[in-house]
Amino acid sequence: MSWYIVMRVQMQGSSVRAACSAFEIDAESGWMRDARRIDSPNCDERPADCRLELIVLHGISLPPGRYGGPWIEALFTNTLPAAVHEYFAGICRLRVSAHVLIDRNGSLTQFVPFHRRAWHAGESCHRDRWACNDFSIGIELEGSDDRPYTNRQYEILSRVVAGLRAAYPSLLGADIVGHSDIAPGRKTDPGPAFDWGRLDAHLGETATRS
């Protein structure tokens, strides 16, 4: 398994000075101030005393390879119509979600408050810890494994990460991984088209993937 290990290079005391402008997050409510809010029913409480210690990046497009439209939102709210596309018939009964979605234009939608457990990772393991949903944040990027993500998506993603670190100190030392890293053989997203070095640059950090 590979993972994204963050090495901070901009320190002041015990805090990290982000190279990007962080989105404001209310840690108590778990909601982001600048995101459109759509509540997903596909979430529940995290285990007691479980800290946030992982950020998982996903890629999604519905139907596969097509962008735009209401279909990701419909999937996360259990309203995806099976008759619209043959692919939808196979997934419309899934009960899945993510904390946030960043579309191709950089628009940000939040479906689950960050202190609650979104159902994004499925069967998964990171550093010998199973059930990654318990301790992770799930971020969906509208995209495909083999098509470059947009500059705006990297910019917004970095601001989300910066906001999460500011609101939840346990994420300051957390790994950022792809879904494929925690579910190898089962998942491939966000795919080789995702440029981890570009995320580094936006966050003002150096990093290694091993």
N, C-alpha and C. Protein backbone atom coordinates (compact mmCIF):
# COMPACT_ATOMS: atom_id res chain seq x y z
N MET A 1 0.84 -1.18 0.00
CA MET A 1 0.00 0.00 0.00
C MET A 1 0.88 1.24 0.00
N SER A 2 0.41 2.27 -0.72
CA SER A 2 1.12 3.54 -0.71
C SER A 2 0.29 4.55 0.03
N TRP A 3 0.95 5.55 0.53
CA TRP A 3 0.21 6.62 1.18
C TRP A 3 0.96 7.93 1.02
N TYR A 4 0.22 8.97 1.30
CA TYR A 4 0.72 10.33 1.11
C TYR A 4 1.11 10.86 2.47
N ILE A 5 2.42 11.02 2.68
CA ILE A 5 2.92 11.41 3.99
C ILE A 5 3.33 12.87 3.95
N VAL A 6 2.66 13.69 4.73
CA VAL A 6 2.89 15.13 4.69
C VAL A 6 4.07 15.50 5.58
N MET A 7 5.00 16.26 5.04
CA MET A 7 6.13 16.78 5.79
C MET A 7 6.03 18.29 5.79
N ARG A 8 5.75 18.90 6.93
CA ARG A 8 5.52 20.32 6.97
C ARG A 8 6.83 21.11 6.95
N VAL A 9 6.82 22.18 6.15
CA VAL A 9 8.02 22.98 6.01
C VAL A 9 7.82 24.42 6.46
N GLN A 10 6.57 24.79 6.81
CA GLN A 10 6.30 26.15 7.26
C GLN A 10 5.77 26.09 8.67
N MET A 11 6.63 26.24 9.64
CA MET A 11 6.24 26.12 11.03
C MET A 11 6.39 27.46 11.76
N GLN A 12 5.51 27.68 12.70
CA GLN A 12 5.66 28.82 13.62
C GLN A 12 5.14 28.34 14.96
N GLY A 13 6.06 28.07 15.89
CA GLY A 13 5.67 27.44 17.13
C GLY A 13 5.18 26.04 16.83
N SER A 14 3.99 25.70 17.36
CA SER A 14 3.43 24.39 17.11
C SER A 14 2.39 24.40 16.01
N SER A 15 2.18 25.56 15.37
CA SER A 15 1.16 25.66 14.34
C SER A 15 1.77 25.66 12.96
N VAL A 16 0.93 25.32 11.98
CA VAL A 16 1.36 25.31 10.59
C VAL A 16 0.75 26.50 9.88
N ARG A 17 1.56 27.24 9.16
CA ARG A 17 1.04 28.34 8.38
C ARG A 17 0.70 27.82 7.00
N ALA A 18 -0.56 27.76 6.66
CA ALA A 18 -0.98 27.21 5.38
C ALA A 18 -0.58 28.15 4.26
N ALA A 19 -0.22 27.56 3.12
CA ALA A 19 0.13 28.34 1.94
C ALA A 19 -1.10 28.75 1.16
N CYS A 20 -2.26 28.32 1.59
CA CYS A 20 -3.50 28.65 0.92
C CYS A 20 -4.50 29.20 1.94
N SER A 21 -5.53 29.85 1.44
CA SER A 21 -6.55 30.43 2.30
C SER A 21 -7.53 29.36 2.72
N ALA A 22 -7.63 29.10 4.02
CA ALA A 22 -8.45 28.01 4.51
C ALA A 22 -9.93 28.38 4.53
N PHE A 23 -10.78 27.43 4.19
CA PHE A 23 -12.21 27.60 4.40
C PHE A 23 -12.51 27.54 5.89
N GLU A 24 -13.49 28.31 6.31
CA GLU A 24 -13.86 28.33 7.72
C GLU A 24 -14.81 27.18 8.05
N ILE A 25 -14.46 26.41 9.07
CA ILE A 25 -15.28 25.28 9.51
C ILE A 25 -15.63 25.47 10.97
N ASP A 26 -16.90 25.30 11.30
CA ASP A 26 -17.34 25.30 12.68
C ASP A 26 -17.12 23.89 13.23
N ALA A 27 -16.11 23.74 14.07
CA ALA A 27 -15.76 22.41 14.58
C ALA A 27 -16.87 21.79 15.39
N GLU A 28 -17.68 22.62 16.04
CA GLU A 28 -18.75 22.08 16.88
C GLU A 28 -19.88 21.50 16.05
N SER A 29 -20.31 22.23 15.03
CA SER A 29 -21.41 21.75 14.19
C SER A 29 -20.92 20.83 13.08
N GLY A 30 -19.65 21.00 12.69
CA GLY A 30 -19.09 20.18 11.63
C GLY A 30 -19.38 20.66 10.23
N TRP A 31 -19.92 21.87 10.09
CA TRP A 31 -20.28 22.39 8.78
C TRP A 31 -19.30 23.48 8.32
N MET A 32 -19.08 23.53 7.01
CA MET A 32 -18.19 24.50 6.40
C MET A 32 -19.00 25.72 5.98
N ARG A 33 -18.48 26.87 6.29
CA ARG A 33 -19.24 28.10 6.08
C ARG A 33 -19.52 28.37 4.60
N ASP A 34 -18.56 28.13 3.71
CA ASP A 34 -18.67 28.55 2.32
C ASP A 34 -19.18 27.46 1.38
N ALA A 35 -19.61 26.34 1.92
CA ALA A 35 -20.09 25.25 1.08
C ALA A 35 -21.61 25.25 0.98
N ARG A 36 -22.12 24.86 -0.16
CA ARG A 36 -23.54 24.57 -0.27
C ARG A 36 -23.83 23.33 0.57
N ARG A 37 -24.92 23.33 1.30
CA ARG A 37 -25.24 22.23 2.20
C ARG A 37 -26.42 21.42 1.69
N ILE A 38 -26.20 20.13 1.54
CA ILE A 38 -27.26 19.17 1.23
C ILE A 38 -27.07 17.99 2.17
N ASP A 39 -28.03 17.75 3.02
CA ASP A 39 -27.89 16.68 4.01
C ASP A 39 -28.07 15.31 3.37
N SER A 40 -27.10 14.43 3.58
CA SER A 40 -27.22 13.04 3.15
C SER A 40 -27.67 12.20 4.34
N PRO A 41 -28.59 11.27 4.11
CA PRO A 41 -28.97 10.36 5.19
C PRO A 41 -27.95 9.26 5.42
N ASN A 42 -26.96 9.17 4.54
CA ASN A 42 -26.01 8.06 4.58
C ASN A 42 -24.81 8.39 5.46
N CYS A 43 -25.07 8.43 6.74
CA CYS A 43 -24.03 8.74 7.72
C CYS A 43 -24.52 8.28 9.09
N ASP A 44 -23.61 8.24 10.04
CA ASP A 44 -23.98 7.91 11.42
C ASP A 44 -22.90 8.43 12.35
N GLU A 45 -23.04 8.11 13.62
CA GLU A 45 -22.07 8.59 14.60
C GLU A 45 -20.77 7.79 14.50
N ARG A 46 -19.66 8.47 14.73
CA ARG A 46 -18.38 7.77 14.81
C ARG A 46 -18.30 7.03 16.15
N PRO A 47 -17.43 6.02 16.23
CA PRO A 47 -17.24 5.34 17.51
C PRO A 47 -16.79 6.34 18.58
N ALA A 48 -17.16 6.08 19.79
CA ALA A 48 -16.79 6.97 20.90
C ALA A 48 -15.27 7.11 20.99
N ASP A 49 -14.83 8.35 21.24
CA ASP A 49 -13.41 8.66 21.44
C ASP A 49 -12.57 8.38 20.20
N CYS A 50 -13.19 8.39 19.02
CA CYS A 50 -12.45 8.17 17.78
C CYS A 50 -12.07 9.52 17.17
N ARG A 51 -10.78 9.79 17.04
CA ARG A 51 -10.31 11.07 16.51
C ARG A 51 -10.24 11.03 14.99
N LEU A 52 -10.31 12.20 14.38
CA LEU A 52 -10.08 12.32 12.95
C LEU A 52 -8.58 12.20 12.68
N GLU A 53 -8.18 11.21 11.88
CA GLU A 53 -6.75 10.96 11.68
C GLU A 53 -6.39 10.61 10.24
N LEU A 54 -7.29 10.86 9.30
CA LEU A 54 -7.03 10.49 7.91
C LEU A 54 -7.94 11.30 7.00
N ILE A 55 -7.40 11.70 5.83
CA ILE A 55 -8.19 12.35 4.78
C ILE A 55 -8.11 11.46 3.55
N VAL A 56 -9.27 11.08 3.02
CA VAL A 56 -9.34 10.18 1.88
C VAL A 56 -9.90 10.94 0.67
N LEU A 57 -9.16 10.89 -0.44
CA LEU A 57 -9.59 11.54 -1.67
C LEU A 57 -10.19 10.50 -2.63
N HIS A 58 -11.32 10.87 -3.20
CA HIS A 58 -12.03 10.01 -4.14
C HIS A 58 -12.20 10.75 -5.47
N GLY A 59 -12.49 9.98 -6.52
CA GLY A 59 -12.91 10.54 -7.80
C GLY A 59 -14.22 9.91 -8.21
N ILE A 60 -15.13 10.71 -8.74
CA ILE A 60 -16.44 10.19 -9.13
C ILE A 60 -16.98 10.97 -10.32
N SER A 61 -17.64 10.28 -11.22
CA SER A 61 -18.40 10.91 -12.30
C SER A 61 -19.57 10.01 -12.62
N LEU A 62 -20.72 10.62 -12.86
CA LEU A 62 -21.95 9.87 -13.13
C LEU A 62 -22.70 10.50 -14.29
N PRO A 63 -22.96 9.66 -15.34
CA PRO A 63 -22.39 8.33 -15.58
C PRO A 63 -20.86 8.42 -15.70
N PRO A 64 -20.15 7.30 -15.64
CA PRO A 64 -18.69 7.33 -15.69
C PRO A 64 -18.18 8.10 -16.91
N GLY A 65 -17.28 9.05 -16.65
CA GLY A 65 -16.67 9.82 -17.71
C GLY A 65 -17.47 11.04 -18.15
N ARG A 66 -18.64 11.26 -17.56
CA ARG A 66 -19.46 12.43 -17.90
C ARG A 66 -19.55 13.35 -16.69
N TYR A 67 -19.49 14.65 -16.95
CA TYR A 67 -19.45 15.61 -15.86
C TYR A 67 -20.68 16.52 -15.90
N GLY A 68 -21.00 17.07 -14.77
CA GLY A 68 -22.15 17.95 -14.66
C GLY A 68 -23.41 17.16 -14.34
N GLY A 69 -24.48 17.89 -14.09
CA GLY A 69 -25.75 17.24 -13.78
C GLY A 69 -25.90 16.96 -12.30
N PRO A 70 -27.08 16.49 -11.91
CA PRO A 70 -27.41 16.32 -10.49
C PRO A 70 -27.16 14.92 -9.96
N TRP A 71 -26.45 14.09 -10.70
CA TRP A 71 -26.47 12.65 -10.38
C TRP A 71 -25.64 12.27 -9.17
N ILE A 72 -24.53 12.92 -8.93
CA ILE A 72 -23.75 12.61 -7.72
C ILE A 72 -24.56 12.99 -6.48
N GLU A 73 -25.14 14.17 -6.52
CA GLU A 73 -26.01 14.60 -5.42
C GLU A 73 -27.15 13.61 -5.21
N ALA A 74 -27.73 13.13 -6.31
CA ALA A 74 -28.83 12.17 -6.21
C ALA A 74 -28.36 10.85 -5.59
N LEU A 75 -27.17 10.41 -5.96
CA LEU A 75 -26.63 9.18 -5.38
C LEU A 75 -26.47 9.32 -3.87
N PHE A 76 -25.95 10.44 -3.44
CA PHE A 76 -25.67 10.65 -2.01
C PHE A 76 -26.93 10.92 -1.19
N THR A 77 -28.05 11.18 -1.87
CA THR A 77 -29.31 11.42 -1.16
C THR A 77 -30.35 10.34 -1.46
N ASN A 78 -29.88 9.24 -2.04
CA ASN A 78 -30.74 8.06 -2.30
C ASN A 78 -31.90 8.36 -3.24
N THR A 79 -31.66 9.24 -4.21
CA THR A 79 -32.71 9.60 -5.17
C THR A 79 -32.26 9.40 -6.61
N LEU A 80 -31.22 8.60 -6.83
CA LEU A 80 -30.71 8.37 -8.18
C LEU A 80 -31.72 7.52 -8.96
N PRO A 81 -32.22 8.02 -10.10
CA PRO A 81 -33.25 7.28 -10.85
C PRO A 81 -32.63 6.18 -11.72
N ALA A 82 -33.03 4.98 -11.49
CA ALA A 82 -32.46 3.84 -12.21
C ALA A 82 -32.74 3.90 -13.71
N ALA A 83 -33.84 4.50 -14.12
CA ALA A 83 -34.25 4.47 -15.51
C ALA A 83 -33.50 5.47 -16.40
N VAL A 84 -32.79 6.41 -15.82
CA VAL A 84 -32.14 7.46 -16.60
C VAL A 84 -30.95 6.94 -17.39
N HIS A 85 -30.20 6.01 -16.80
CA HIS A 85 -29.00 5.48 -17.46
C HIS A 85 -28.79 4.05 -16.98
N GLU A 86 -28.33 3.19 -17.87
CA GLU A 86 -28.16 1.79 -17.49
C GLU A 86 -27.19 1.61 -16.34
N TYR A 87 -26.19 2.47 -16.24
CA TYR A 87 -25.23 2.38 -15.13
C TYR A 87 -25.91 2.66 -13.80
N PHE A 88 -26.88 3.56 -13.81
CA PHE A 88 -27.56 3.92 -12.56
C PHE A 88 -28.33 2.75 -11.97
N ALA A 89 -28.82 1.87 -12.84
CA ALA A 89 -29.61 0.73 -12.35
C ALA A 89 -28.79 -0.16 -11.42
N GLY A 90 -27.47 -0.20 -11.63
CA GLY A 90 -26.62 -1.05 -10.81
C GLY A 90 -26.16 -0.43 -9.52
N ILE A 91 -26.32 0.90 -9.38
CA ILE A 91 -25.79 1.57 -8.19
C ILE A 91 -26.85 2.33 -7.40
N CYS A 92 -28.07 2.42 -7.91
CA CYS A 92 -29.05 3.31 -7.28
C CYS A 92 -29.46 2.85 -5.89
N ARG A 93 -29.21 1.59 -5.55
CA ARG A 93 -29.57 1.11 -4.21
C ARG A 93 -28.40 1.20 -3.22
N LEU A 94 -27.27 1.66 -3.69
CA LEU A 94 -26.14 1.84 -2.78
C LEU A 94 -26.46 2.95 -1.78
N ARG A 95 -25.96 2.80 -0.59
CA ARG A 95 -26.13 3.84 0.43
C ARG A 95 -24.74 4.37 0.76
N VAL A 96 -24.36 5.41 0.06
CA VAL A 96 -23.01 5.96 0.15
C VAL A 96 -23.08 7.48 0.26
N SER A 97 -21.98 8.07 0.68
CA SER A 97 -21.90 9.53 0.79
C SER A 97 -20.43 9.90 0.90
N ALA A 98 -20.19 11.19 0.95
CA ALA A 98 -18.88 11.73 1.30
C ALA A 98 -19.15 12.99 2.11
N HIS A 99 -18.14 13.46 2.80
CA HIS A 99 -18.35 14.70 3.55
C HIS A 99 -18.53 15.87 2.59
N VAL A 100 -17.66 15.96 1.57
CA VAL A 100 -17.78 17.06 0.62
C VAL A 100 -17.53 16.57 -0.79
N LEU A 101 -18.06 17.33 -1.74
CA LEU A 101 -17.84 17.11 -3.17
C LEU A 101 -17.32 18.40 -3.79
N ILE A 102 -16.28 18.28 -4.60
CA ILE A 102 -15.74 19.41 -5.35
C ILE A 102 -15.95 19.11 -6.83
N ASP A 103 -16.81 19.89 -7.51
CA ASP A 103 -17.09 19.60 -8.91
C ASP A 103 -16.02 20.17 -9.82
N ARG A 104 -16.16 20.00 -11.11
CA ARG A 104 -15.12 20.40 -12.07
C ARG A 104 -14.85 21.89 -12.04
N ASN A 105 -15.84 22.68 -11.68
CA ASN A 105 -15.67 24.14 -11.62
C ASN A 105 -15.20 24.62 -10.26
N GLY A 106 -15.03 23.68 -9.32
CA GLY A 106 -14.59 24.06 -7.99
C GLY A 106 -15.71 24.36 -7.03
N SER A 107 -16.96 24.18 -7.45
CA SER A 107 -18.08 24.39 -6.53
C SER A 107 -18.05 23.33 -5.45
N LEU A 108 -18.36 23.76 -4.24
CA LEU A 108 -18.19 22.92 -3.06
C LEU A 108 -19.54 22.62 -2.43
N THR A 109 -19.83 21.33 -2.25
CA THR A 109 -21.06 20.90 -1.60
C THR A 109 -20.71 19.98 -0.44
N GLN A 110 -21.31 20.24 0.71
CA GLN A 110 -21.09 19.38 1.88
C GLN A 110 -22.36 18.59 2.16
N PHE A 111 -22.17 17.28 2.36
CA PHE A 111 -23.29 16.36 2.57
C PHE A 111 -23.39 15.85 4.01
N VAL A 112 -22.26 15.80 4.70
CA VAL A 112 -22.22 15.22 6.04
C VAL A 112 -21.34 16.11 6.92
N PRO A 113 -21.78 16.45 8.13
CA PRO A 113 -20.90 17.22 9.02
C PRO A 113 -19.66 16.40 9.37
N PHE A 114 -18.55 17.09 9.55
CA PHE A 114 -17.27 16.40 9.67
C PHE A 114 -17.14 15.54 10.91
N HIS A 115 -17.90 15.84 11.96
CA HIS A 115 -17.77 15.03 13.16
C HIS A 115 -18.56 13.72 13.06
N ARG A 116 -19.40 13.60 12.01
CA ARG A 116 -20.13 12.37 11.80
C ARG A 116 -19.44 11.49 10.76
N ARG A 117 -19.79 10.24 10.74
CA ARG A 117 -19.15 9.26 9.87
C ARG A 117 -19.91 9.17 8.54
N ALA A 118 -19.25 9.64 7.47
CA ALA A 118 -19.80 9.48 6.12
C ALA A 118 -19.46 8.08 5.62
N TRP A 119 -20.29 7.55 4.75
CA TRP A 119 -20.10 6.19 4.25
C TRP A 119 -19.41 6.25 2.89
N HIS A 120 -18.12 6.50 2.91
CA HIS A 120 -17.37 6.74 1.68
C HIS A 120 -16.30 5.70 1.37
N ALA A 121 -15.74 5.06 2.36
CA ALA A 121 -14.56 4.22 2.12
C ALA A 121 -14.89 2.75 1.91
N GLY A 122 -15.98 2.28 2.48
CA GLY A 122 -16.29 0.85 2.40
C GLY A 122 -15.26 0.02 3.14
N GLU A 123 -15.10 -1.23 2.72
CA GLU A 123 -14.08 -2.08 3.32
C GLU A 123 -12.71 -1.49 3.03
N SER A 124 -11.96 -1.17 4.07
CA SER A 124 -10.74 -0.39 3.88
C SER A 124 -9.78 -0.57 5.05
N CYS A 125 -8.50 -0.29 4.78
CA CYS A 125 -7.48 -0.43 5.82
C CYS A 125 -6.36 0.56 5.55
N HIS A 126 -5.90 1.21 6.60
CA HIS A 126 -4.77 2.13 6.50
C HIS A 126 -3.85 1.93 7.69
N ARG A 127 -2.62 1.63 7.41
CA ARG A 127 -1.62 1.40 8.46
C ARG A 127 -2.14 0.38 9.49
N ASP A 128 -2.66 -0.71 8.98
CA ASP A 128 -3.16 -1.82 9.80
C ASP A 128 -4.40 -1.47 10.62
N ARG A 129 -5.05 -0.38 10.30
CA ARG A 129 -6.32 -0.02 10.94
C ARG A 129 -7.45 -0.21 9.93
N TRP A 130 -8.40 -1.04 10.29
CA TRP A 130 -9.52 -1.31 9.41
C TRP A 130 -10.65 -0.31 9.65
N ALA A 131 -11.63 -0.33 8.75
CA ALA A 131 -12.82 0.52 8.85
C ALA A 131 -12.44 2.00 8.87
N CYS A 132 -11.88 2.46 7.77
CA CYS A 132 -11.38 3.83 7.70
C CYS A 132 -12.47 4.89 7.86
N ASN A 133 -13.70 4.54 7.55
CA ASN A 133 -14.78 5.52 7.77
C ASN A 133 -14.80 6.03 9.21
N ASP A 134 -14.40 5.18 10.14
CA ASP A 134 -14.47 5.54 11.55
C ASP A 134 -13.65 6.78 11.88
N PHE A 135 -12.50 6.93 11.23
CA PHE A 135 -11.54 7.96 11.64
C PHE A 135 -11.11 8.88 10.49
N SER A 136 -11.86 8.89 9.41
CA SER A 136 -11.44 9.66 8.24
C SER A 136 -12.47 10.67 7.79
N ILE A 137 -11.99 11.60 6.96
CA ILE A 137 -12.81 12.54 6.21
C ILE A 137 -12.78 12.09 4.75
N GLY A 138 -13.94 12.04 4.11
CA GLY A 138 -14.01 11.66 2.70
C GLY A 138 -14.30 12.86 1.82
N ILE A 139 -13.43 13.10 0.84
CA ILE A 139 -13.57 14.22 -0.09
C ILE A 139 -13.68 13.66 -1.51
N GLU A 140 -14.79 13.95 -2.17
CA GLU A 140 -15.01 13.52 -3.55
C GLU A 140 -14.63 14.64 -4.51
N LEU A 141 -13.88 14.28 -5.55
CA LEU A 141 -13.58 15.18 -6.65
C LEU A 141 -14.31 14.66 -7.88
N GLU A 142 -15.07 15.52 -8.53
CA GLU A 142 -15.72 15.09 -9.75
C GLU A 142 -14.65 14.87 -10.81
N GLY A 143 -14.51 13.64 -11.26
CA GLY A 143 -13.47 13.35 -12.22
C GLY A 143 -13.38 11.87 -12.54
N SER A 144 -12.38 11.53 -13.35
CA SER A 144 -12.14 10.17 -13.77
C SER A 144 -10.67 9.84 -13.58
N ASP A 145 -10.37 8.55 -13.49
CA ASP A 145 -9.00 8.11 -13.22
C ASP A 145 -8.02 8.60 -14.28
N ASP A 146 -8.48 8.74 -15.53
CA ASP A 146 -7.57 8.98 -16.64
C ASP A 146 -7.72 10.36 -17.29
N ARG A 147 -8.45 11.28 -16.66
CA ARG A 147 -8.59 12.63 -17.19
C ARG A 147 -8.16 13.63 -16.12
N PRO A 148 -7.30 14.58 -16.48
CA PRO A 148 -6.77 15.50 -15.47
C PRO A 148 -7.86 16.23 -14.69
N TYR A 149 -7.65 16.38 -13.41
CA TYR A 149 -8.53 17.21 -12.60
C TYR A 149 -8.21 18.67 -12.90
N THR A 150 -9.12 19.56 -12.58
CA THR A 150 -8.96 20.95 -12.97
C THR A 150 -8.13 21.73 -11.95
N ASN A 151 -7.54 22.82 -12.43
CA ASN A 151 -6.77 23.68 -11.53
C ASN A 151 -7.63 24.18 -10.38
N ARG A 152 -8.88 24.51 -10.70
CA ARG A 152 -9.77 25.02 -9.66
C ARG A 152 -10.04 23.96 -8.60
N GLN A 153 -10.13 22.70 -8.98
CA GLN A 153 -10.34 21.64 -8.00
C GLN A 153 -9.17 21.53 -7.04
N TYR A 154 -7.94 21.64 -7.55
CA TYR A 154 -6.78 21.59 -6.65
C TYR A 154 -6.78 22.77 -5.69
N GLU A 155 -7.15 23.93 -6.20
CA GLU A 155 -7.18 25.12 -5.34
C GLU A 155 -8.20 24.95 -4.22
N ILE A 156 -9.42 24.53 -4.58
CA ILE A 156 -10.46 24.36 -3.57
C ILE A 156 -10.13 23.23 -2.61
N LEU A 157 -9.59 22.13 -3.13
CA LEU A 157 -9.20 21.01 -2.27
C LEU A 157 -8.19 21.45 -1.22
N SER A 158 -7.20 22.22 -1.63
CA SER A 158 -6.18 22.66 -0.67
C SER A 158 -6.79 23.54 0.41
N ARG A 159 -7.77 24.35 0.04
CA ARG A 159 -8.43 25.21 1.03
C ARG A 159 -9.29 24.40 1.99
N VAL A 160 -9.90 23.34 1.48
CA VAL A 160 -10.66 22.45 2.36
C VAL A 160 -9.73 21.77 3.35
N VAL A 161 -8.61 21.25 2.86
CA VAL A 161 -7.64 20.58 3.73
C VAL A 161 -7.13 21.54 4.79
N ALA A 162 -6.80 22.77 4.38
CA ALA A 162 -6.32 23.77 5.33
C ALA A 162 -7.38 24.07 6.39
N GLY A 163 -8.64 24.16 5.97
CA GLY A 163 -9.72 24.41 6.92
C GLY A 163 -9.91 23.26 7.90
N LEU A 164 -9.80 22.04 7.41
CA LEU A 164 -9.93 20.87 8.27
C LEU A 164 -8.82 20.84 9.32
N ARG A 165 -7.61 21.14 8.90
CA ARG A 165 -6.49 21.15 9.85
C ARG A 165 -6.66 22.23 10.90
N ALA A 166 -7.21 23.37 10.50
CA ALA A 166 -7.41 24.45 11.46
C ALA A 166 -8.51 24.11 12.47
N ALA A 167 -9.54 23.42 12.00
CA ALA A 167 -10.68 23.11 12.87
C ALA A 167 -10.44 21.88 13.73
N TYR A 168 -9.65 20.94 13.21
CA TYR A 168 -9.44 19.66 13.90
C TYR A 168 -7.94 19.38 14.00
N PRO A 169 -7.31 19.76 15.11
CA PRO A 169 -5.86 19.63 15.25
C PRO A 169 -5.34 18.21 15.03
N SER A 170 -6.16 17.19 15.25
CA SER A 170 -5.69 15.81 15.05
C SER A 170 -5.38 15.53 13.59
N LEU A 171 -5.86 16.39 12.68
CA LEU A 171 -5.57 16.20 11.26
C LEU A 171 -4.27 16.87 10.82
N LEU A 172 -3.63 17.62 11.70
CA LEU A 172 -2.38 18.27 11.32
C LEU A 172 -1.30 17.26 10.94
N GLY A 173 -1.27 16.13 11.58
CA GLY A 173 -0.28 15.12 11.25
C GLY A 173 -0.84 13.97 10.46
N ALA A 174 -2.03 14.16 9.90
CA ALA A 174 -2.72 13.05 9.24
C ALA A 174 -2.25 12.84 7.81
N ASP A 175 -2.25 11.58 7.39
CA ASP A 175 -1.97 11.25 6.01
C ASP A 175 -3.15 11.66 5.12
N ILE A 176 -2.84 11.99 3.88
CA ILE A 176 -3.84 12.19 2.84
C ILE A 176 -3.65 11.07 1.84
N VAL A 177 -4.68 10.26 1.61
CA VAL A 177 -4.55 9.09 0.76
C VAL A 177 -5.64 9.08 -0.29
N GLY A 178 -5.43 8.27 -1.31
CA GLY A 178 -6.47 8.00 -2.28
C GLY A 178 -7.30 6.81 -1.84
N HIS A 179 -8.50 6.73 -2.37
CA HIS A 179 -9.35 5.57 -2.07
C HIS A 179 -8.64 4.28 -2.46
N SER A 180 -7.88 4.33 -3.54
CA SER A 180 -7.15 3.15 -4.00
C SER A 180 -6.09 2.70 -3.01
N ASP A 181 -5.60 3.60 -2.18
CA ASP A 181 -4.57 3.26 -1.20
C ASP A 181 -5.13 2.46 -0.04
N ILE A 182 -6.39 2.71 0.30
CA ILE A 182 -6.98 2.03 1.46
C ILE A 182 -7.87 0.87 1.06
N ALA A 183 -8.13 0.75 -0.25
CA ALA A 183 -8.92 -0.38 -0.76
C ALA A 183 -8.30 -0.89 -2.05
N PRO A 184 -7.01 -1.28 -2.01
CA PRO A 184 -6.32 -1.71 -3.22
C PRO A 184 -6.96 -2.96 -3.82
N GLY A 185 -7.05 -2.96 -5.15
CA GLY A 185 -7.68 -4.08 -5.83
C GLY A 185 -9.18 -3.93 -5.96
N ARG A 186 -9.76 -3.13 -5.10
CA ARG A 186 -11.21 -2.89 -5.15
C ARG A 186 -11.54 -1.53 -5.72
N LYS A 187 -10.69 -0.53 -5.43
CA LYS A 187 -10.92 0.83 -5.90
C LYS A 187 -9.66 1.36 -6.59
N THR A 188 -9.86 2.25 -7.56
CA THR A 188 -8.74 2.82 -8.31
C THR A 188 -8.66 4.34 -8.21
N ASP A 189 -9.68 4.97 -7.66
CA ASP A 189 -9.73 6.43 -7.62
C ASP A 189 -8.86 7.01 -6.50
N PRO A 190 -8.41 8.24 -6.64
CA PRO A 190 -8.71 9.19 -7.71
C PRO A 190 -7.93 8.95 -9.00
N GLY A 191 -7.11 7.91 -9.04
CA GLY A 191 -6.49 7.48 -10.27
C GLY A 191 -5.18 8.17 -10.59
N PRO A 192 -4.49 7.67 -11.61
CA PRO A 192 -3.20 8.26 -12.00
C PRO A 192 -3.32 9.68 -12.52
N ALA A 193 -4.51 10.12 -12.88
CA ALA A 193 -4.67 11.50 -13.36
C ALA A 193 -4.57 12.52 -12.23
N PHE A 194 -4.68 12.06 -10.98
CA PHE A 194 -4.57 13.01 -9.87
C PHE A 194 -3.10 13.33 -9.64
N ASP A 195 -2.79 14.63 -9.61
CA ASP A 195 -1.42 15.12 -9.48
C ASP A 195 -1.14 15.46 -8.01
N TRP A 196 -0.51 14.52 -7.32
CA TRP A 196 -0.22 14.75 -5.90
C TRP A 196 0.76 15.91 -5.71
N GLY A 197 1.68 16.08 -6.64
CA GLY A 197 2.62 17.19 -6.54
C GLY A 197 1.94 18.54 -6.62
N ARG A 198 0.88 18.62 -7.39
CA ARG A 198 0.14 19.88 -7.47
C ARG A 198 -0.55 20.18 -6.15
N LEU A 199 -1.07 19.15 -5.50
CA LEU A 199 -1.66 19.36 -4.17
C LEU A 199 -0.58 19.85 -3.20
N ASP A 200 0.62 19.24 -3.27
CA ASP A 200 1.74 19.70 -2.44
C ASP A 200 1.95 21.20 -2.59
N ALA A 201 2.00 21.61 -3.86
CA ALA A 201 2.33 23.01 -4.15
C ALA A 201 1.27 23.95 -3.58
N HIS A 202 0.02 23.59 -3.70
CA HIS A 202 -1.04 24.44 -3.17
C HIS A 202 -1.00 24.50 -1.64
N LEU A 203 -0.58 23.40 -1.02
CA LEU A 203 -0.53 23.37 0.44
C LEU A 203 0.78 23.96 0.97
N GLY A 204 1.74 24.21 0.08
CA GLY A 204 3.03 24.75 0.52
C GLY A 204 3.82 23.74 1.30
N GLU A 205 3.77 22.48 0.90
CA GLU A 205 4.43 21.40 1.65
C GLU A 205 5.25 20.54 0.70
N THR A 206 6.18 19.80 1.25
CA THR A 206 6.82 18.74 0.53
C THR A 206 6.19 17.43 0.98
N ALA A 207 6.23 16.45 0.13
CA ALA A 207 5.59 15.19 0.48
C ALA A 207 6.24 14.05 -0.27
N THR A 208 6.00 12.84 0.22
CA THR A 208 6.45 11.64 -0.47
C THR A 208 5.29 10.68 -0.57
N ARG A 209 5.29 9.92 -1.67
CA ARG A 209 4.37 8.80 -1.79
C ARG A 209 5.21 7.56 -1.91
N SER A 210 5.02 6.62 -0.99
CA SER A 210 5.87 5.44 -0.95
C SER A 210 5.03 4.18 -0.98
